[in-house]
Amino acid sequence: MELDELKSLINGRMERVQKEKSPAEIALLMGRKTQSITGKIKRSLLIELIITIVFTVSCAAITVFAKYHSLRIYFGIFTIISLLFIPLLYLKLNKTRKLTNTIFPVKNNLQVLVKLIHEYIRRYFQLTMALIPLSIIISFILGYTDGNLSDSSTQNSFFSNLIESPLLMTFLIAYIILFSVGMYYFTKWYLKKLYGNYVKQLEDLIAELEE
């Protein structure tokens, strides 16, 4: 038997072995991959939930014990915003668990999960970008109000100098722009690392199931 014929025979037998795999065996193999990926997504959601709870408690503590009225208002606002995040994250985590609580991957469940995480990433990014100017505006309003309410002229000196100094104004504007751009790219990277890479792997699995 020549070498080419031997290679052809071996390849033919390997193809037959692959074709002889039952749908259940293929599903089990795919299920192991799916459980690994979705497990990482659930872990990411759980970590975010824990971080949000810790952040909320910290903001609430500052709201109660801060010396300055402006700080109490500022962190009180973010306490309320963070409190709204906690049930949303819990619901996302619970829904993800329900969609992946099976050994065998169900294509429809994976598609729903991918859509769910895509929507979460999009809303997360939009809200983060909206909170950046909001937090800056609130900081200026509260700082200016505190300065006006204070009997000491030094409390409002920063805002007086800001208006009178083009250099200080330019520096502050540059800082705000750099901070906003930095947060934009950091949030993109953060979401990709925490969810985006795993969603891409799930999309590849769905493509395999459709073959």
C-alpha atoms as a PDB file:
ATOM      1  CA  MET A   1       0.000   0.000   0.000  1.00  0.00           C
ATOM      2  CA  GLU A   2       1.423   3.364  -0.996  1.00  0.00           C
ATOM      3  CA  LEU A   3       1.802   6.288   1.400  1.00  0.00           C
ATOM      4  CA  ASP A   4      -0.946   8.355  -0.251  1.00  0.00           C
ATOM      5  CA  GLU A   5      -3.395   5.459  -0.019  1.00  0.00           C
ATOM      6  CA  LEU A   6      -2.525   4.984   3.671  1.00  0.00           C
ATOM      7  CA  LYS A   7      -3.138   8.673   4.412  1.00  0.00           C
ATOM      8  CA  SER A   8      -6.446   8.532   2.570  1.00  0.00           C
ATOM      9  CA  LEU A   9      -7.520   5.453   4.575  1.00  0.00           C
ATOM     10  CA  ILE A  10      -6.601   7.076   7.912  1.00  0.00           C
ATOM     11  CA  ASN A  11      -8.413  10.304   7.035  1.00  0.00           C
ATOM     12  CA  GLY A  12     -11.490   8.350   5.955  1.00  0.00           C
ATOM     13  CA  ARG A  13     -11.602   6.434   9.237  1.00  0.00           C
ATOM     14  CA  MET A  14     -11.204   9.664  11.267  1.00  0.00           C
ATOM     15  CA  GLU A  15     -14.092  11.252   9.388  1.00  0.00           C
ATOM     16  CA  ARG A  16     -16.264   8.203  10.053  1.00  0.00           C
ATOM     17  CA  VAL A  17     -15.442   8.317  13.789  1.00  0.00           C
ATOM     18  CA  GLN A  18     -16.392  11.994  13.921  1.00  0.00           C
ATOM     19  CA  LYS A  19     -19.654  11.363  12.078  1.00  0.00           C
ATOM     20  CA  GLU A  20     -20.486   8.480  14.434  1.00  0.00           C
ATOM     21  CA  LYS A  21     -20.619  10.849  17.413  1.00  0.00           C
ATOM     22  CA  SER A  22     -24.158  11.156  18.671  1.00  0.00           C
ATOM     23  CA  PRO A  23     -25.885  14.515  18.994  1.00  0.00           C
ATOM     24  CA  ALA A  24     -25.832  14.017  22.762  1.00  0.00           C
ATOM     25  CA  GLU A  25     -22.041  13.624  22.786  1.00  0.00           C
ATOM     26  CA  ILE A  26     -21.597  16.720  20.645  1.00  0.00           C
ATOM     27  CA  ALA A  27     -23.992  18.645  22.895  1.00  0.00           C
ATOM     28  CA  LEU A  28     -22.055  17.518  25.973  1.00  0.00           C
ATOM     29  CA  LEU A  29     -18.771  18.771  24.498  1.00  0.00           C
ATOM     30  CA  MET A  30     -20.368  22.073  23.564  1.00  0.00           C
ATOM     31  CA  GLY A  31     -21.978  22.226  26.997  1.00  0.00           C
ATOM     32  CA  ARG A  32     -18.607  22.064  28.725  1.00  0.00           C
ATOM     33  CA  LYS A  33     -17.356  25.007  26.675  1.00  0.00           C
ATOM     34  CA  THR A  34     -20.563  26.924  27.307  1.00  0.00           C
ATOM     35  CA  GLN A  35     -20.482  26.316  31.069  1.00  0.00           C
ATOM     36  CA  SER A  36     -16.898  27.579  31.226  1.00  0.00           C
ATOM     37  CA  ILE A  37     -17.682  30.806  29.344  1.00  0.00           C
ATOM     38  CA  THR A  38     -21.013  31.547  31.003  1.00  0.00           C
ATOM     39  CA  GLY A  39     -19.451  30.782  34.386  1.00  0.00           C
ATOM     40  CA  LYS A  40     -16.967  33.606  33.790  1.00  0.00           C
ATOM     41  CA  ILE A  41     -19.794  35.963  32.812  1.00  0.00           C
ATOM     42  CA  LYS A  42     -21.687  35.106  35.996  1.00  0.00           C
ATOM     43  CA  ARG A  43     -18.518  35.636  38.022  1.00  0.00           C
ATOM     44  CA  SER A  44     -18.053  39.083  36.445  1.00  0.00           C
ATOM     45  CA  LEU A  45     -21.628  40.058  37.271  1.00  0.00           C
ATOM     46  CA  LEU A  46     -21.211  38.816  40.845  1.00  0.00           C
ATOM     47  CA  ILE A  47     -17.978  40.803  41.281  1.00  0.00           C
ATOM     48  CA  GLU A  48     -19.704  43.935  39.973  1.00  0.00           C
ATOM     49  CA  LEU A  49     -22.629  43.373  42.337  1.00  0.00           C
ATOM     50  CA  ILE A  50     -20.276  43.079  45.335  1.00  0.00           C
ATOM     51  CA  ILE A  51     -18.289  46.174  44.280  1.00  0.00           C
ATOM     52  CA  THR A  52     -21.533  48.152  43.844  1.00  0.00           C
ATOM     53  CA  ILE A  53     -22.741  47.165  47.313  1.00  0.00           C
ATOM     54  CA  VAL A  54     -19.410  48.170  48.893  1.00  0.00           C
ATOM     55  CA  PHE A  55     -19.404  51.460  46.960  1.00  0.00           C
ATOM     56  CA  THR A  56     -22.996  52.200  48.024  1.00  0.00           C
ATOM     57  CA  VAL A  57     -22.216  51.562  51.692  1.00  0.00           C
ATOM     58  CA  SER A  58     -19.128  53.798  51.445  1.00  0.00           C
ATOM     59  CA  CYS A  59     -21.109  56.631  49.841  1.00  0.00           C
ATOM     60  CA  ALA A  60     -23.839  56.273  52.475  1.00  0.00           C
ATOM     61  CA  ALA A  61     -21.235  56.462  55.264  1.00  0.00           C
ATOM     62  CA  ILE A  62     -19.727  59.651  53.801  1.00  0.00           C
ATOM     63  CA  THR A  63     -23.251  61.084  53.428  1.00  0.00           C
ATOM     64  CA  VAL A  64     -23.902  60.545  57.129  1.00  0.00           C
ATOM     65  CA  PHE A  65     -20.519  61.437  58.623  1.00  0.00           C
ATOM     66  CA  ALA A  66     -19.045  64.050  56.247  1.00  0.00           C
ATOM     67  CA  LYS A  67     -18.294  67.417  57.793  1.00  0.00           C
ATOM     68  CA  TYR A  68     -19.196  69.533  54.762  1.00  0.00           C
ATOM     69  CA  HIS A  69     -22.748  69.956  53.565  1.00  0.00           C
ATOM     70  CA  SER A  70     -21.706  69.765  49.892  1.00  0.00           C
ATOM     71  CA  LEU A  71     -20.004  66.392  50.393  1.00  0.00           C
ATOM     72  CA  ARG A  72     -23.087  65.000  52.100  1.00  0.00           C
ATOM     73  CA  ILE A  73     -25.285  66.062  49.173  1.00  0.00           C
ATOM     74  CA  TYR A  74     -22.775  64.869  46.539  1.00  0.00           C
ATOM     75  CA  PHE A  75     -22.328  61.383  47.988  1.00  0.00           C
ATOM     76  CA  GLY A  76     -26.004  61.202  48.892  1.00  0.00           C
ATOM     77  CA  ILE A  77     -26.852  61.577  45.191  1.00  0.00           C
ATOM     78  CA  PHE A  78     -24.435  58.775  44.265  1.00  0.00           C
ATOM     79  CA  THR A  79     -25.791  56.607  47.063  1.00  0.00           C
ATOM     80  CA  ILE A  80     -29.235  56.808  45.463  1.00  0.00           C
ATOM     81  CA  ILE A  81     -27.827  56.104  41.985  1.00  0.00           C
ATOM     82  CA  SER A  82     -25.849  53.104  43.291  1.00  0.00           C
ATOM     83  CA  LEU A  83     -28.918  51.761  45.103  1.00  0.00           C
ATOM     84  CA  LEU A  84     -30.701  51.659  41.747  1.00  0.00           C
ATOM     85  CA  PHE A  85     -27.857  49.604  40.284  1.00  0.00           C
ATOM     86  CA  ILE A  86     -27.990  46.830  42.897  1.00  0.00           C
ATOM     87  CA  PRO A  87     -31.388  45.302  41.947  1.00  0.00           C
ATOM     88  CA  LEU A  88     -30.570  45.668  38.230  1.00  0.00           C
ATOM     89  CA  LEU A  89     -27.310  43.767  38.637  1.00  0.00           C
ATOM     90  CA  TYR A  90     -29.037  41.127  40.750  1.00  0.00           C
ATOM     91  CA  LEU A  91     -31.731  40.639  38.102  1.00  0.00           C
ATOM     92  CA  LYS A  92     -29.070  40.353  35.353  1.00  0.00           C
ATOM     93  CA  LEU A  93     -27.165  37.779  37.389  1.00  0.00           C
ATOM     94  CA  ASN A  94     -30.320  35.807  38.198  1.00  0.00           C
ATOM     95  CA  LYS A  95     -31.470  35.791  34.564  1.00  0.00           C
ATOM     96  CA  THR A  96     -28.015  34.677  33.408  1.00  0.00           C
ATOM     97  CA  ARG A  97     -28.112  31.792  35.877  1.00  0.00           C
ATOM     98  CA  LYS A  98     -31.518  30.695  34.607  1.00  0.00           C
ATOM     99  CA  LEU A  99     -30.407  30.802  30.979  1.00  0.00           C
ATOM    100  CA  THR A 100     -27.272  28.742  31.672  1.00  0.00           C
ATOM    101  CA  ASN A 101     -28.523  26.351  34.351  1.00  0.00           C
ATOM    102  CA  THR A 102     -28.294  23.292  32.100  1.00  0.00           C
ATOM    103  CA  ILE A 103     -25.591  20.831  31.040  1.00  0.00           C
ATOM    104  CA  PHE A 104     -26.556  20.898  27.388  1.00  0.00           C
ATOM    105  CA  PRO A 105     -26.333  24.195  25.522  1.00  0.00           C
ATOM    106  CA  VAL A 106     -29.573  25.419  24.055  1.00  0.00           C
ATOM    107  CA  LYS A 107     -28.913  27.687  21.106  1.00  0.00           C
ATOM    108  CA  ASN A 108     -31.912  29.882  21.852  1.00  0.00           C
ATOM    109  CA  ASN A 109     -30.749  30.369  25.458  1.00  0.00           C
ATOM    110  CA  LEU A 110     -27.272  31.342  24.298  1.00  0.00           C
ATOM    111  CA  GLN A 111     -28.704  33.821  21.806  1.00  0.00           C
ATOM    112  CA  VAL A 112     -30.873  35.395  24.519  1.00  0.00           C
ATOM    113  CA  LEU A 113     -27.857  35.563  26.850  1.00  0.00           C
ATOM    114  CA  VAL A 114     -25.670  37.217  24.203  1.00  0.00           C
ATOM    115  CA  LYS A 115     -28.409  39.773  23.529  1.00  0.00           C
ATOM    116  CA  LEU A 116     -28.822  40.378  27.277  1.00  0.00           C
ATOM    117  CA  ILE A 117     -25.100  41.007  27.850  1.00  0.00           C
ATOM    118  CA  HIS A 118     -24.801  43.159  24.714  1.00  0.00           C
ATOM    119  CA  GLU A 119     -27.648  45.335  25.997  1.00  0.00           C
ATOM    120  CA  TYR A 120     -26.075  45.498  29.450  1.00  0.00           C
ATOM    121  CA  ILE A 121     -22.706  46.584  27.992  1.00  0.00           C
ATOM    122  CA  ARG A 122     -24.373  49.269  25.871  1.00  0.00           C
ATOM    123  CA  ARG A 123     -26.419  50.691  28.772  1.00  0.00           C
ATOM    124  CA  TYR A 124     -23.458  50.488  31.143  1.00  0.00           C
ATOM    125  CA  PHE A 125     -21.300  52.502  28.749  1.00  0.00           C
ATOM    126  CA  GLN A 126     -24.016  55.092  28.069  1.00  0.00           C
ATOM    127  CA  LEU A 127     -24.689  55.610  31.774  1.00  0.00           C
ATOM    128  CA  THR A 128     -20.990  55.925  32.604  1.00  0.00           C
ATOM    129  CA  MET A 129     -20.514  58.560  29.915  1.00  0.00           C
ATOM    130  CA  ALA A 130     -23.589  60.441  31.164  1.00  0.00           C
ATOM    131  CA  LEU A 131     -22.385  60.372  34.786  1.00  0.00           C
ATOM    132  CA  ILE A 132     -19.061  62.036  33.951  1.00  0.00           C
ATOM    133  CA  PRO A 133     -20.465  65.493  33.025  1.00  0.00           C
ATOM    134  CA  LEU A 134     -23.206  65.123  35.636  1.00  0.00           C
ATOM    135  CA  SER A 135     -20.693  64.565  38.453  1.00  0.00           C
ATOM    136  CA  ILE A 136     -18.584  67.521  37.269  1.00  0.00           C
ATOM    137  CA  ILE A 137     -21.602  69.858  37.097  1.00  0.00           C
ATOM    138  CA  ILE A 138     -22.833  68.773  40.542  1.00  0.00           C
ATOM    139  CA  SER A 139     -19.341  69.315  41.991  1.00  0.00           C
ATOM    140  CA  PHE A 140     -19.196  72.877  40.653  1.00  0.00           C
ATOM    141  CA  ILE A 141     -22.718  73.747  41.797  1.00  0.00           C
ATOM    142  CA  LEU A 142     -22.190  72.391  45.311  1.00  0.00           C
ATOM    143  CA  GLY A 143     -18.731  73.940  45.621  1.00  0.00           C
ATOM    144  CA  TYR A 144     -20.005  77.327  44.485  1.00  0.00           C
ATOM    145  CA  THR A 145     -23.016  77.104  46.801  1.00  0.00           C
ATOM    146  CA  ASP A 146     -20.824  76.203  49.767  1.00  0.00           C
ATOM    147  CA  GLY A 147     -18.600  79.174  48.985  1.00  0.00           C
ATOM    148  CA  ASN A 148     -21.517  81.603  48.845  1.00  0.00           C
ATOM    149  CA  LEU A 149     -23.049  80.287  52.050  1.00  0.00           C
ATOM    150  CA  SER A 150     -19.781  80.553  53.939  1.00  0.00           C
ATOM    151  CA  ASP A 151     -18.905  83.718  55.851  1.00  0.00           C
ATOM    152  CA  SER A 152     -15.244  83.304  54.932  1.00  0.00           C
ATOM    153  CA  SER A 153     -14.190  84.852  51.621  1.00  0.00           C
ATOM    154  CA  THR A 154     -11.461  82.233  51.251  1.00  0.00           C
ATOM    155  CA  GLN A 155     -14.088  79.539  50.760  1.00  0.00           C
ATOM    156  CA  ASN A 156     -15.092  81.081  47.439  1.00  0.00           C
ATOM    157  CA  SER A 157     -11.583  82.097  46.372  1.00  0.00           C
ATOM    158  CA  PHE A 158     -11.216  79.195  43.974  1.00  0.00           C
ATOM    159  CA  PHE A 159     -14.249  80.235  41.932  1.00  0.00           C
ATOM    160  CA  SER A 160     -13.205  83.884  41.989  1.00  0.00           C
ATOM    161  CA  ASN A 161      -9.715  82.968  40.766  1.00  0.00           C
ATOM    162  CA  LEU A 162     -11.203  80.652  38.163  1.00  0.00           C
ATOM    163  CA  ILE A 163     -13.224  83.462  36.625  1.00  0.00           C
ATOM    164  CA  GLU A 164     -10.343  85.924  36.761  1.00  0.00           C
ATOM    165  CA  SER A 165      -7.555  83.592  35.581  1.00  0.00           C
ATOM    166  CA  PRO A 166      -7.604  82.370  31.941  1.00  0.00           C
ATOM    167  CA  LEU A 167      -4.663  80.058  32.741  1.00  0.00           C
ATOM    168  CA  LEU A 168      -6.505  78.354  35.583  1.00  0.00           C
ATOM    169  CA  MET A 169      -9.632  78.082  33.437  1.00  0.00           C
ATOM    170  CA  THR A 170      -7.610  76.529  30.580  1.00  0.00           C
ATOM    171  CA  PHE A 171      -5.971  74.050  32.958  1.00  0.00           C
ATOM    172  CA  LEU A 172      -9.325  73.016  34.407  1.00  0.00           C
ATOM    173  CA  ILE A 173     -10.912  72.561  30.963  1.00  0.00           C
ATOM    174  CA  ALA A 174      -7.899  70.512  29.800  1.00  0.00           C
ATOM    175  CA  TYR A 175      -8.141  68.362  32.932  1.00  0.00           C
ATOM    176  CA  ILE A 176     -11.857  67.709  32.404  1.00  0.00           C
ATOM    177  CA  ILE A 177     -11.280  66.773  28.733  1.00  0.00           C
ATOM    178  CA  LEU A 178      -8.374  64.427  29.556  1.00  0.00           C
ATOM    179  CA  PHE A 179     -10.336  62.854  32.401  1.00  0.00           C
ATOM    180  CA  SER A 180     -13.373  62.288  30.148  1.00  0.00           C
ATOM    181  CA  VAL A 181     -11.278  60.798  27.319  1.00  0.00           C
ATOM    182  CA  GLY A 182      -9.435  58.580  29.806  1.00  0.00           C
ATOM    183  CA  MET A 183     -12.719  57.335  31.281  1.00  0.00           C
ATOM    184  CA  TYR A 184     -14.058  56.666  27.766  1.00  0.00           C
ATOM    185  CA  TYR A 185     -11.194  54.352  26.852  1.00  0.00           C
ATOM    186  CA  PHE A 186     -10.950  52.811  30.309  1.00  0.00           C
ATOM    187  CA  THR A 187     -14.665  51.926  30.282  1.00  0.00           C
ATOM    188  CA  LYS A 188     -14.324  50.424  26.794  1.00  0.00           C
ATOM    189  CA  TRP A 189     -11.386  48.292  27.948  1.00  0.00           C
ATOM    190  CA  TYR A 190     -13.079  47.351  31.239  1.00  0.00           C
ATOM    191  CA  LEU A 191     -16.290  46.155  29.597  1.00  0.00           C
ATOM    192  CA  LYS A 192     -14.413  44.248  26.900  1.00  0.00           C
ATOM    193  CA  LYS A 193     -12.277  42.449  29.465  1.00  0.00           C
ATOM    194  CA  LEU A 194     -15.160  41.735  31.825  1.00  0.00           C
ATOM    195  CA  TYR A 195     -17.812  40.760  29.251  1.00  0.00           C
ATOM    196  CA  GLY A 196     -16.913  41.480  25.623  1.00  0.00           C
ATOM    197  CA  ASN A 197     -14.342  38.699  25.162  1.00  0.00           C
ATOM    198  CA  TYR A 198     -16.695  36.085  26.629  1.00  0.00           C
ATOM    199  CA  VAL A 199     -19.624  37.264  24.513  1.00  0.00           C
ATOM    200  CA  LYS A 200     -17.454  36.846  21.408  1.00  0.00           C
ATOM    201  CA  GLN A 201     -16.685  33.260  22.461  1.00  0.00           C
ATOM    202  CA  LEU A 202     -20.398  32.587  22.956  1.00  0.00           C
ATOM    203  CA  GLU A 203     -21.127  33.947  19.478  1.00  0.00           C
ATOM    204  CA  ASP A 204     -18.528  31.534  18.077  1.00  0.00           C
ATOM    205  CA  LEU A 205     -20.234  28.655  19.918  1.00  0.00           C
ATOM    206  CA  ILE A 206     -23.607  29.656  18.511  1.00  0.00           C
ATOM    207  CA  ALA A 207     -22.073  29.639  15.023  1.00  0.00           C
ATOM    208  CA  GLU A 208     -20.787  26.097  15.678  1.00  0.00           C
ATOM    209  CA  LEU A 209     -24.234  24.952  16.800  1.00  0.00           C
ATOM    210  CA  GLU A 210     -25.732  26.305  13.591  1.00  0.00           C
ATOM    211  CA  GLU A 211     -23.378  24.261  11.413  1.00  0.00           C
END
